[in-house]
Amino acid sequence: MWIFAYGSLTWSPSFAFVERRRAFVRGWSRRFWQGSPDHRGVPEAPGRVVTLVEDGAGICGGCAYRIDPAGSDAILAALDHREKAGFVRRSLEVFAGHEPDGEASFAEALAYVADVGNPWFLGPLPEREIAAWVRPRSGPSGPNVEYVLRLRETLAALDVRDPHVDAIASFLGP
C-alpha cells in the first residue's frame, strides 16, 4: 500500500514505512486553500494548509510512502484522525516523473484531499494575501509560517518545483 504526501506528510509522516520515493500526481495542483483549525491555526483563526484541487493540466510533486500492509489499519486510523478537519481519502495514480506523456504509474496511492464542500475550505486568494493570512496564525502544531517554509524546503530537497508554494514563501521572507 502507498500513501501520497504533498503537504506536512512530506516531512513529518508520523508512521513507519518500507520505502519513500519522489512521486507526482497528474490532473491535480497543490493550493493553500484549506483551513487548519487544529494544527496550524485554531477554530477562531484557522491557518492555511495545502490541499489538492483538480486541474486537468496540473502536476503535483511530493513523495510516496510504501507501508507494510500488516500495519496499514493502524496507520490509516491515525492518519484519518490527523487529517480530520475536512480531508478525505482519495485513490490516485502516482508517477515517478513529472512529464505528462508516456510513463506508466508505479502505484495507486491514498492521498488526503480537502474537497471544496468541507466546512474548513477557504478557497483561493492571491499568493500575497495567502501569505498575509498565514503570517499571524499559529496552532498546536506550530506557526503557520513554519508550515509554508518547511514545505518549500522539503519540496526543494525532493527536487520538486511548485510556483504557488514558492510565491507564498517569498512573501514571508528568506
C-alpha atoms as a PDB file:
ATOM      1  CA  MET A   1       0.000   0.000   0.000  1.00  0.00           C
ATOM      2  CA  TRP A   2       1.202   3.505  -0.888  1.00  0.00           C
ATOM      3  CA  ILE A   3       0.394   6.918   0.600  1.00  0.00           C
ATOM      4  CA  PHE A   4       0.991  10.068  -1.445  1.00  0.00           C
ATOM      5  CA  ALA A   5       2.249  13.060   0.554  1.00  0.00           C
ATOM      6  CA  TYR A   6       2.168  16.619  -0.766  1.00  0.00           C
ATOM      7  CA  GLY A   7       1.964  18.708   2.462  1.00  0.00           C
ATOM      8  CA  SER A   8       3.194  18.142   6.007  1.00  0.00           C
ATOM      9  CA  LEU A   9       3.357  14.383   5.494  1.00  0.00           C
ATOM     10  CA  THR A  10       6.360  15.005   3.218  1.00  0.00           C
ATOM     11  CA  TRP A  11       8.499  15.959   6.237  1.00  0.00           C
ATOM     12  CA  SER A  12       6.504  14.511   9.127  1.00  0.00           C
ATOM     13  CA  PRO A  13       4.912  11.208   8.157  1.00  0.00           C
ATOM     14  CA  SER A  14       4.451  10.022  11.784  1.00  0.00           C
ATOM     15  CA  PHE A  15       4.230   6.376  10.668  1.00  0.00           C
ATOM     16  CA  ALA A  16       6.630   3.588   9.798  1.00  0.00           C
ATOM     17  CA  PHE A  17       7.234   2.994   6.123  1.00  0.00           C
ATOM     18  CA  VAL A  18       9.119   0.480   3.996  1.00  0.00           C
ATOM     19  CA  GLU A  19      10.078   2.870   1.195  1.00  0.00           C
ATOM     20  CA  ARG A  20       9.908   6.604   0.431  1.00  0.00           C
ATOM     21  CA  ARG A  21      10.294   7.964  -3.077  1.00  0.00           C
ATOM     22  CA  ARG A  22       9.644  11.133  -5.026  1.00  0.00           C
ATOM     23  CA  ALA A  23       6.258  10.952  -6.720  1.00  0.00           C
ATOM     24  CA  PHE A  24       3.858  13.009  -8.804  1.00  0.00           C
ATOM     25  CA  VAL A  25       0.106  13.019  -9.375  1.00  0.00           C
ATOM     26  CA  ARG A  26      -1.318  14.317 -12.620  1.00  0.00           C
ATOM     27  CA  GLY A  27      -4.527  16.301 -13.029  1.00  0.00           C
ATOM     28  CA  TRP A  28      -4.102  17.960  -9.610  1.00  0.00           C
ATOM     29  CA  SER A  29      -2.467  21.127  -8.273  1.00  0.00           C
ATOM     30  CA  ARG A  30      -1.375  21.901  -4.713  1.00  0.00           C
ATOM     31  CA  ARG A  31      -3.069  25.003  -3.261  1.00  0.00           C
ATOM     32  CA  PHE A  32      -3.124  26.765   0.120  1.00  0.00           C
ATOM     33  CA  TRP A  33      -6.916  26.809   0.085  1.00  0.00           C
ATOM     34  CA  GLN A  34      -7.731  24.623   3.131  1.00  0.00           C
ATOM     35  CA  GLY A  35      -8.257  25.997   6.621  1.00  0.00           C
ATOM     36  CA  SER A  36      -6.443  24.401   9.549  1.00  0.00           C
ATOM     37  CA  PRO A  37      -8.393  24.843  12.782  1.00  0.00           C
ATOM     38  CA  ASP A  38      -6.491  22.121  14.613  1.00  0.00           C
ATOM     39  CA  HIS A  39      -2.816  22.131  13.561  1.00  0.00           C
ATOM     40  CA  ARG A  40      -1.605  25.475  12.124  1.00  0.00           C
ATOM     41  CA  GLY A  41      -4.410  27.587  13.496  1.00  0.00           C
ATOM     42  CA  VAL A  42      -7.380  27.452  15.850  1.00  0.00           C
ATOM     43  CA  PRO A  43     -11.118  27.441  15.084  1.00  0.00           C
ATOM     44  CA  GLU A  44     -11.398  31.218  15.615  1.00  0.00           C
ATOM     45  CA  ALA A  45      -8.324  31.888  13.439  1.00  0.00           C
ATOM     46  CA  PRO A  46      -7.624  28.929  11.145  1.00  0.00           C
ATOM     47  CA  GLY A  47      -4.301  28.715   9.401  1.00  0.00           C
ATOM     48  CA  ARG A  48      -3.962  27.759   5.748  1.00  0.00           C
ATOM     49  CA  VAL A  49      -2.586  24.411   4.625  1.00  0.00           C
ATOM     50  CA  VAL A  50      -2.400  22.740   1.247  1.00  0.00           C
ATOM     51  CA  THR A  51      -4.925  20.547  -0.434  1.00  0.00           C
ATOM     52  CA  LEU A  52      -5.131  19.150  -3.941  1.00  0.00           C
ATOM     53  CA  VAL A  53      -7.508  20.746  -6.404  1.00  0.00           C
ATOM     54  CA  GLU A  54      -8.485  19.167  -9.676  1.00  0.00           C
ATOM     55  CA  ASP A  55      -6.644  20.760 -12.580  1.00  0.00           C
ATOM     56  CA  GLY A  56      -6.562  18.973 -15.929  1.00  0.00           C
ATOM     57  CA  ALA A  57      -3.118  20.375 -16.756  1.00  0.00           C
ATOM     58  CA  GLY A  58      -1.801  20.220 -13.190  1.00  0.00           C
ATOM     59  CA  ILE A  59       1.042  18.094 -11.891  1.00  0.00           C
ATOM     60  CA  CYS A  60       1.775  17.983  -8.177  1.00  0.00           C
ATOM     61  CA  GLY A  61       5.018  16.577  -6.825  1.00  0.00           C
ATOM     62  CA  GLY A  62       5.698  15.209  -3.385  1.00  0.00           C
ATOM     63  CA  CYS A  63       6.628  11.793  -2.129  1.00  0.00           C
ATOM     64  CA  ALA A  64       5.015   8.403  -1.800  1.00  0.00           C
ATOM     65  CA  TYR A  65       5.453   6.087   1.150  1.00  0.00           C
ATOM     66  CA  ARG A  66       5.067   2.353   0.817  1.00  0.00           C
ATOM     67  CA  ILE A  67       3.748   0.929   4.046  1.00  0.00           C
ATOM     68  CA  ASP A  68       3.635  -2.630   5.316  1.00  0.00           C
ATOM     69  CA  PRO A  69       0.100  -3.978   4.797  1.00  0.00           C
ATOM     70  CA  ALA A  70       0.286  -5.618   8.231  1.00  0.00           C
ATOM     71  CA  GLY A  71       0.289  -2.202   9.890  1.00  0.00           C
ATOM     72  CA  SER A  72      -1.948  -0.360   7.430  1.00  0.00           C
ATOM     73  CA  ASP A  73      -5.131  -0.348   9.540  1.00  0.00           C
ATOM     74  CA  ALA A  74      -3.417   1.405  12.455  1.00  0.00           C
ATOM     75  CA  ILE A  75      -1.583   3.829  10.149  1.00  0.00           C
ATOM     76  CA  LEU A  76      -4.766   4.772   8.289  1.00  0.00           C
ATOM     77  CA  ALA A  77      -6.704   5.218  11.541  1.00  0.00           C
ATOM     78  CA  ALA A  78      -4.002   7.587  12.824  1.00  0.00           C
ATOM     79  CA  LEU A  79      -3.956   9.486   9.513  1.00  0.00           C
ATOM     80  CA  ASP A  80      -7.763   9.726   9.480  1.00  0.00           C
ATOM     81  CA  HIS A  81      -7.547  11.367  12.912  1.00  0.00           C
ATOM     82  CA  ARG A  82      -4.685  13.658  11.889  1.00  0.00           C
ATOM     83  CA  GLU A  83      -6.492  14.788   8.728  1.00  0.00           C
ATOM     84  CA  LYS A  84      -9.966  15.012  10.297  1.00  0.00           C
ATOM     85  CA  ALA A  85     -10.580  18.721   9.599  1.00  0.00           C
ATOM     86  CA  GLY A  86     -12.015  18.375   6.117  1.00  0.00           C
ATOM     87  CA  PHE A  87      -9.743  15.838   4.431  1.00  0.00           C
ATOM     88  CA  VAL A  88     -10.953  12.585   2.886  1.00  0.00           C
ATOM     89  CA  ARG A  89      -9.067   9.700   1.338  1.00  0.00           C
ATOM     90  CA  ARG A  90      -8.708   9.613  -2.435  1.00  0.00           C
ATOM     91  CA  SER A  91      -7.038   6.940  -4.528  1.00  0.00           C
ATOM     92  CA  LEU A  92      -4.674   8.475  -7.084  1.00  0.00           C
ATOM     93  CA  GLU A  93      -2.185   7.107  -9.579  1.00  0.00           C
ATOM     94  CA  VAL A  94       1.364   8.135  -8.711  1.00  0.00           C
ATOM     95  CA  PHE A  95       4.207   8.565 -11.187  1.00  0.00           C
ATOM     96  CA  ALA A  96       7.967   8.703 -10.792  1.00  0.00           C
ATOM     97  CA  GLY A  97       8.311  11.654 -13.190  1.00  0.00           C
ATOM     98  CA  HIS A  98       6.521  14.887 -13.864  1.00  0.00           C
ATOM     99  CA  GLU A  99       6.387  14.640 -17.656  1.00  0.00           C
ATOM    100  CA  PRO A 100       2.775  14.100 -18.735  1.00  0.00           C
ATOM    101  CA  ASP A 101       3.402  11.711 -21.629  1.00  0.00           C
ATOM    102  CA  GLY A 102       4.296   8.073 -21.906  1.00  0.00           C
ATOM    103  CA  GLU A 103       5.170   6.985 -18.396  1.00  0.00           C
ATOM    104  CA  ALA A 104       3.060   4.396 -16.599  1.00  0.00           C
ATOM    105  CA  SER A 105       2.179   4.975 -12.961  1.00  0.00           C
ATOM    106  CA  PHE A 106       4.154   2.963 -10.438  1.00  0.00           C
ATOM    107  CA  ALA A 107       1.253   2.583  -7.973  1.00  0.00           C
ATOM    108  CA  GLU A 108      -2.166   3.601  -6.774  1.00  0.00           C
ATOM    109  CA  ALA A 109      -1.758   5.635  -3.601  1.00  0.00           C
ATOM    110  CA  LEU A 110      -4.047   7.053  -0.975  1.00  0.00           C
ATOM    111  CA  ALA A 111      -3.954  10.819  -0.642  1.00  0.00           C
ATOM    112  CA  TYR A 112      -5.825  13.017   1.806  1.00  0.00           C
ATOM    113  CA  VAL A 113      -7.684  15.723  -0.122  1.00  0.00           C
ATOM    114  CA  ALA A 114      -9.891  18.501   1.261  1.00  0.00           C
ATOM    115  CA  ASP A 115     -12.771  18.897  -1.146  1.00  0.00           C
ATOM    116  CA  VAL A 116     -14.447  22.252  -1.807  1.00  0.00           C
ATOM    117  CA  GLY A 117     -17.562  21.308   0.181  1.00  0.00           C
ATOM    118  CA  ASN A 118     -15.862  20.719   3.527  1.00  0.00           C
ATOM    119  CA  PRO A 119     -16.544  23.265   6.295  1.00  0.00           C
ATOM    120  CA  TRP A 120     -12.896  24.411   6.538  1.00  0.00           C
ATOM    121  CA  PHE A 121     -12.354  25.043   2.825  1.00  0.00           C
ATOM    122  CA  LEU A 122     -11.222  28.677   2.486  1.00  0.00           C
ATOM    123  CA  GLY A 123     -10.781  28.874  -1.270  1.00  0.00           C
ATOM    124  CA  PRO A 124      -8.452  30.876  -3.472  1.00  0.00           C
ATOM    125  CA  LEU A 125      -6.728  34.168  -2.740  1.00  0.00           C
ATOM    126  CA  PRO A 126      -3.768  35.836  -4.431  1.00  0.00           C
ATOM    127  CA  GLU A 127      -0.476  34.470  -3.067  1.00  0.00           C
ATOM    128  CA  ARG A 128       0.388  37.776  -1.340  1.00  0.00           C
ATOM    129  CA  GLU A 129      -2.930  37.642   0.549  1.00  0.00           C
ATOM    130  CA  ILE A 130      -2.391  33.996   1.482  1.00  0.00           C
ATOM    131  CA  ALA A 131       0.998  34.982   2.956  1.00  0.00           C
ATOM    132  CA  ALA A 132      -0.676  37.802   4.919  1.00  0.00           C
ATOM    133  CA  TRP A 133      -3.274  35.306   6.209  1.00  0.00           C
ATOM    134  CA  VAL A 134      -0.591  32.797   7.204  1.00  0.00           C
ATOM    135  CA  ARG A 135       1.787  35.241   8.912  1.00  0.00           C
ATOM    136  CA  PRO A 136      -0.098  35.727  12.247  1.00  0.00           C
ATOM    137  CA  ARG A 137      -1.624  32.231  12.513  1.00  0.00           C
ATOM    138  CA  SER A 138      -0.425  29.529  14.864  1.00  0.00           C
ATOM    139  CA  GLY A 139      -1.844  26.336  16.317  1.00  0.00           C
ATOM    140  CA  PRO A 140      -0.933  23.221  18.306  1.00  0.00           C
ATOM    141  CA  SER A 141       1.491  22.070  15.574  1.00  0.00           C
ATOM    142  CA  GLY A 142       3.252  25.443  15.452  1.00  0.00           C
ATOM    143  CA  PRO A 143       3.270  28.640  13.428  1.00  0.00           C
ATOM    144  CA  ASN A 144       1.589  28.600  10.036  1.00  0.00           C
ATOM    145  CA  VAL A 145       4.642  30.365   8.548  1.00  0.00           C
ATOM    146  CA  GLU A 146       6.784  27.399   9.614  1.00  0.00           C
ATOM    147  CA  TYR A 147       4.472  25.086   7.637  1.00  0.00           C
ATOM    148  CA  VAL A 148       4.885  27.130   4.442  1.00  0.00           C
ATOM    149  CA  LEU A 149       8.673  27.443   4.748  1.00  0.00           C
ATOM    150  CA  ARG A 150       9.138  23.807   5.723  1.00  0.00           C
ATOM    151  CA  LEU A 151       7.052  22.707   2.754  1.00  0.00           C
ATOM    152  CA  ARG A 152       9.147  24.817   0.368  1.00  0.00           C
ATOM    153  CA  GLU A 153      12.355  23.403   1.889  1.00  0.00           C
ATOM    154  CA  THR A 154      11.147  19.800   1.664  1.00  0.00           C
ATOM    155  CA  LEU A 155       9.971  20.185  -1.925  1.00  0.00           C
ATOM    156  CA  ALA A 156      13.354  21.660  -2.867  1.00  0.00           C
ATOM    157  CA  ALA A 157      15.089  18.664  -1.261  1.00  0.00           C
ATOM    158  CA  LEU A 158      12.866  16.391  -3.390  1.00  0.00           C
ATOM    159  CA  ASP A 159      13.743  18.477  -6.489  1.00  0.00           C
ATOM    160  CA  VAL A 160      10.075  19.427  -6.882  1.00  0.00           C
ATOM    161  CA  ARG A 161       9.167  22.906  -8.127  1.00  0.00           C
ATOM    162  CA  ASP A 162       5.868  24.480  -7.092  1.00  0.00           C
ATOM    163  CA  PRO A 163       5.382  28.118  -8.147  1.00  0.00           C
ATOM    164  CA  HIS A 164       2.377  28.559  -5.805  1.00  0.00           C
ATOM    165  CA  VAL A 165       4.352  27.470  -2.719  1.00  0.00           C
ATOM    166  CA  ASP A 166       7.430  29.431  -3.832  1.00  0.00           C
ATOM    167  CA  ALA A 167       5.405  32.624  -4.333  1.00  0.00           C
ATOM    168  CA  ILE A 168       3.769  32.450  -0.907  1.00  0.00           C
ATOM    169  CA  ALA A 169       7.071  31.627   0.795  1.00  0.00           C
ATOM    170  CA  SER A 170       8.750  34.574  -0.982  1.00  0.00           C
ATOM    171  CA  PHE A 171       6.250  36.973   0.640  1.00  0.00           C
ATOM    172  CA  LEU A 172       7.112  35.542   4.056  1.00  0.00           C
ATOM    173  CA  GLY A 173      10.825  36.315   3.874  1.00  0.00           C
ATOM    174  CA  PRO A 174      14.021  34.339   3.281  1.00  0.00           C
END
